[in-house]
Protein backbone atom coordinates (compact mmCIF):
# COMPACT_ATOMS: atom_id res chain seq x y z
CA UNK A 1 0.29 -0.37 0.07
CA UNK A 2 2.77 2.58 1.06
CA UNK A 3 4.33 1.38 -2.31
CA UNK A 4 1.21 2.44 -3.76
CA UNK A 5 1.16 5.76 -2.62
CA UNK A 6 4.18 6.59 -3.69
CA UNK A 7 3.89 5.69 -6.61
CA UNK A 8 0.45 7.79 -7.13
CA UNK A 9 2.45 11.07 -5.45
CA UNK A 10 5.44 10.05 -7.99
CA UNK A 11 3.14 10.25 -11.24
CA UNK A 12 1.02 13.10 -9.86
CA UNK A 13 3.69 14.87 -10.22
CA UNK A 14 5.44 14.32 -12.94
CA UNK A 15 3.99 13.38 -15.87
CA UNK A 16 6.32 10.18 -16.92
CA UNK A 17 5.07 9.15 -20.68
CA UNK A 18 6.04 13.03 -21.53
CA UNK A 19 8.73 12.81 -18.58
CA UNK A 20 7.35 16.63 -18.05
CA UNK A 21 6.89 18.22 -14.30
CA UNK A 22 2.96 18.61 -13.94
CA UNK A 23 1.47 22.06 -12.78
CA UNK A 24 0.66 21.69 -9.28
CA UNK A 25 -3.35 21.34 -8.42
CA UNK A 26 -5.57 21.26 -11.25
CA UNK A 27 -4.47 23.16 -14.77
CA UNK A 28 -8.90 24.76 -14.62
CA UNK A 29 -7.20 27.18 -11.44
CA UNK A 30 -4.11 28.06 -13.44
CA UNK A 31 -6.30 29.18 -16.29
CA UNK A 32 -8.22 31.25 -13.62
CA UNK A 33 -4.82 32.50 -11.80
CA UNK A 34 -3.31 33.52 -15.23
CA UNK A 35 -5.90 35.51 -15.96
CA UNK A 36 -6.95 37.19 -12.43
CA UNK A 37 -3.67 38.51 -13.03
CA UNK A 38 -3.91 39.26 -16.67
CA UNK A 39 -6.70 41.70 -14.83
CA UNK A 40 -4.26 42.61 -12.66
CA UNK A 41 -1.69 43.43 -15.09
CA UNK A 42 -4.53 45.67 -16.71
CA UNK A 43 -4.84 47.49 -13.87
CA UNK A 44 -1.20 48.24 -13.43
CA UNK A 45 -0.51 49.14 -16.73
CA UNK A 46 -2.72 51.68 -16.63
CA UNK A 47 -2.00 53.05 -13.47
CA UNK A 48 1.07 53.54 -14.02
CA UNK A 49 0.51 55.24 -17.03
CA UNK A 50 -1.72 57.28 -15.74
CA UNK A 51 0.37 58.32 -13.05
CA UNK A 52 2.79 59.50 -15.11
CA UNK A 53 0.59 62.22 -16.58
CA UNK A 54 0.14 63.24 -13.41
CA UNK A 55 2.97 63.01 -10.86
CA UNK A 56 2.80 65.56 -8.61
CA UNK A 57 -1.07 65.24 -7.50
CA UNK A 58 -0.67 60.89 -7.26
CA UNK A 59 2.35 62.13 -4.88
CA UNK A 60 0.69 64.28 -2.58
CA UNK A 61 -2.57 62.02 -1.91
CA UNK A 62 -0.20 58.34 -2.59
CA UNK A 63 2.46 60.65 0.50
CA UNK A 64 -0.93 60.62 2.70
CA UNK A 65 -1.65 56.42 2.88
CA UNK A 66 -0.69 53.90 5.56
CA UNK A 67 2.68 52.18 4.24
CA UNK A 68 3.13 51.25 7.82
CA UNK A 69 -0.27 49.61 7.50
CA UNK A 70 0.45 48.09 3.83
CA UNK A 71 3.60 46.83 5.09
CA UNK A 72 2.92 45.69 7.95
CA UNK A 73 -0.10 43.86 5.26
CA UNK A 74 2.91 42.46 2.78
CA UNK A 75 4.56 41.15 5.75
CA UNK A 76 0.91 38.31 6.82
CA UNK A 77 1.18 37.89 3.10
CA UNK A 78 4.27 36.58 2.45
CA UNK A 79 3.97 35.06 6.18
CA UNK A 80 0.60 32.86 4.90
CA UNK A 81 2.89 32.04 1.81
CA UNK A 82 5.13 30.90 3.69
CA UNK A 83 2.50 28.62 6.58
CA UNK A 84 0.01 27.56 3.05
CA UNK A 85 3.76 25.78 1.32
CA UNK A 86 5.07 23.56 5.09
CA UNK A 87 0.78 22.43 4.91
CA UNK A 88 1.19 20.92 1.44
CA UNK A 89 4.93 19.62 2.83
CA UNK A 90 2.86 17.50 5.71
CA UNK A 91 0.69 16.89 3.33
CA UNK A 92 3.35 15.52 1.07
CA UNK A 93 4.82 13.40 4.27
CA UNK A 94 1.26 12.43 5.15
CA UNK A 95 0.53 14.52 8.48
CA UNK A 96 -2.75 15.67 7.12
CA UNK A 97 -4.05 17.21 10.75
CA UNK A 98 -0.96 18.92 11.15
CA UNK A 99 -1.08 20.34 7.76
CA UNK A 100 -4.26 21.69 8.58
CA UNK A 101 -2.92 23.54 11.80
CA UNK A 102 -0.98 25.05 9.21
CA UNK A 103 -3.49 26.45 7.26
CA UNK A 104 -5.04 27.81 9.81
CA UNK A 105 -2.56 29.91 10.19
CA UNK A 106 -2.18 30.89 6.87
CA UNK A 107 -6.27 32.13 7.20
CA UNK A 108 -4.89 33.70 10.61
CA UNK A 109 -2.37 35.86 8.62
CA UNK A 110 -5.73 36.13 5.76
CA UNK A 111 -7.53 37.47 8.34
CA UNK A 112 -5.37 40.25 10.02
CA UNK A 113 -5.22 42.01 6.72
CA UNK A 114 -8.36 41.99 6.32
CA UNK A 115 -8.69 43.39 9.25
CA UNK A 116 -6.23 46.35 9.11
CA UNK A 117 -7.20 46.94 4.94
CA UNK A 118 -10.88 47.81 6.84
CA UNK A 119 -9.22 50.25 9.44
CA UNK A 120 -7.49 51.47 6.12
CA UNK A 121 -11.15 51.73 3.78
CA UNK A 122 -12.28 53.19 6.96
CA UNK A 123 -10.18 55.79 8.21
CA UNK A 124 -10.43 56.98 3.85
CA UNK A 125 -14.30 56.81 4.09
CA UNK A 126 -14.32 58.94 7.54
CA UNK A 127 -11.72 61.82 5.31
CA UNK A 128 -14.42 61.65 2.52
CA UNK A 129 -12.15 59.85 0.49
CA UNK A 130 -13.77 57.81 -2.71
CA UNK A 131 -13.41 56.56 -6.27
CA UNK A 132 -14.03 60.31 -7.30
CA UNK A 133 -11.36 61.84 -4.75
CA UNK A 134 -9.12 61.82 -7.82
CA UNK A 135 -7.74 59.74 -10.47
CA UNK A 136 -4.80 58.24 -7.75
CA UNK A 137 -7.54 56.82 -4.97
CA UNK A 138 -9.94 56.14 -8.08
CA UNK A 139 -6.45 53.33 -8.80
CA UNK A 140 -6.12 52.86 -5.20
CA UNK A 141 -9.70 51.92 -4.11
CA UNK A 142 -10.98 49.64 -6.54
CA UNK A 143 -7.36 48.03 -6.92
CA UNK A 144 -7.49 47.96 -2.91
CA UNK A 145 -10.94 46.15 -3.23
CA UNK A 146 -10.23 44.00 -5.66
CA UNK A 147 -7.53 42.55 -4.06
CA UNK A 148 -9.49 42.66 -0.87
CA UNK A 149 -11.95 39.94 -1.88
CA UNK A 150 -9.37 37.77 -3.23
CA UNK A 151 -8.09 37.64 -0.70
CA UNK A 152 -11.47 36.77 1.24
CA UNK A 153 -12.57 34.46 -1.54
CA UNK A 154 -8.63 33.04 -0.72
CA UNK A 155 -9.67 31.67 2.79
CA UNK A 156 -12.78 30.61 2.22
CA UNK A 157 -11.18 28.22 -0.43
CA UNK A 158 -8.32 27.67 2.70
CA UNK A 159 -10.57 26.59 5.29
CA UNK A 160 -12.14 24.34 3.01
CA UNK A 161 -9.03 22.31 2.29
CA UNK A 162 -7.56 22.78 5.93
CA UNK A 163 -11.73 21.02 7.15
CA UNK A 164 -11.12 18.37 4.57
CA UNK A 165 -7.12 18.23 5.32
CA UNK A 166 -8.32 17.74 8.73
CA UNK A 167 -10.58 14.68 8.18
CA UNK A 168 -7.73 13.00 6.73
CA UNK A 169 -9.20 13.76 2.51
CA UNK A 170 -5.64 14.75 1.76
CA UNK A 171 -2.56 11.98 1.76
CA UNK A 172 0.62 11.49 0.00
CA UNK A 173 -0.93 9.77 -3.07
CA UNK A 174 -3.95 12.49 -3.32
CA UNK A 175 -3.36 16.22 -1.94
CA UNK A 176 -3.90 17.68 -5.76
CA UNK A 177 -6.90 20.38 -4.27
CA UNK A 178 -4.55 21.29 -1.46
CA UNK A 179 -1.98 22.47 -4.52
CA UNK A 180 -4.97 23.98 -6.58
CA UNK A 181 -5.92 26.07 -3.31
CA UNK A 182 -2.36 26.77 -2.46
CA UNK A 183 -1.73 28.61 -5.86
CA UNK A 184 -4.58 30.37 -5.11
CA UNK A 185 -3.09 31.56 -1.64
CA UNK A 186 0.35 32.22 -3.74
CA UNK A 187 -1.28 34.94 -6.84
CA UNK A 188 -3.20 36.72 -4.62
CA UNK A 189 0.60 37.43 -2.06
CA UNK A 190 2.08 37.47 -5.90
CA UNK A 191 -0.17 40.57 -6.34
CA UNK A 192 -0.26 41.91 -3.38
CA UNK A 193 3.69 42.14 -3.20
CA UNK A 194 3.31 43.79 -6.53
CA UNK A 195 0.68 46.56 -6.07
CA UNK A 196 2.11 47.65 -2.58
CA UNK A 197 5.28 49.53 -3.44
CA UNK A 198 3.12 50.76 -6.47
CA UNK A 199 0.63 52.23 -4.79
CA UNK A 200 2.19 52.69 -1.65
CA UNK A 201 6.15 53.05 -2.53
CA UNK A 202 7.13 53.48 -5.47
CA UNK A 203 7.91 57.94 -7.02
């Protein structure tokens, strides 16, 4: 039985016939991830172009953002991705219940991210700032909220995987669903790593 699990794991990781490494997770999720990255990429390019035409206004508005909160959120998401990597590694070693704890730790980081973003949004609303304030805030609020919703969805996905891991649904021979969730969460992290310096820091 143990031999069969190892064989299954090997087949999952590598296409023996073609000799090509298989993508971790589901192909449909990777198509979705690429589509999402394309959408974010278009908005990032639009932001950069618009900024180049309104540098003074963008710099002035950008200075009003809470960069400390943004930096903390960056650390939270990077840490959460590390926890997700540890979870997948635990499943590969047939420690699914330990993986569920790592996933819950990742979700905790996501929860702190959400709380900080809600506080940030609340401060802007109280200051009378909206998407119609100026071009910078239009991009900032749209991009930040769009990413925020991806974080929420990612936490729901991780929660579902954590529950299945706790119930023993994953093992070293079958953890396709867990890898799919991990791929999505890493995408959410990657987008923020680009968004934070672009919108909060870059002058």
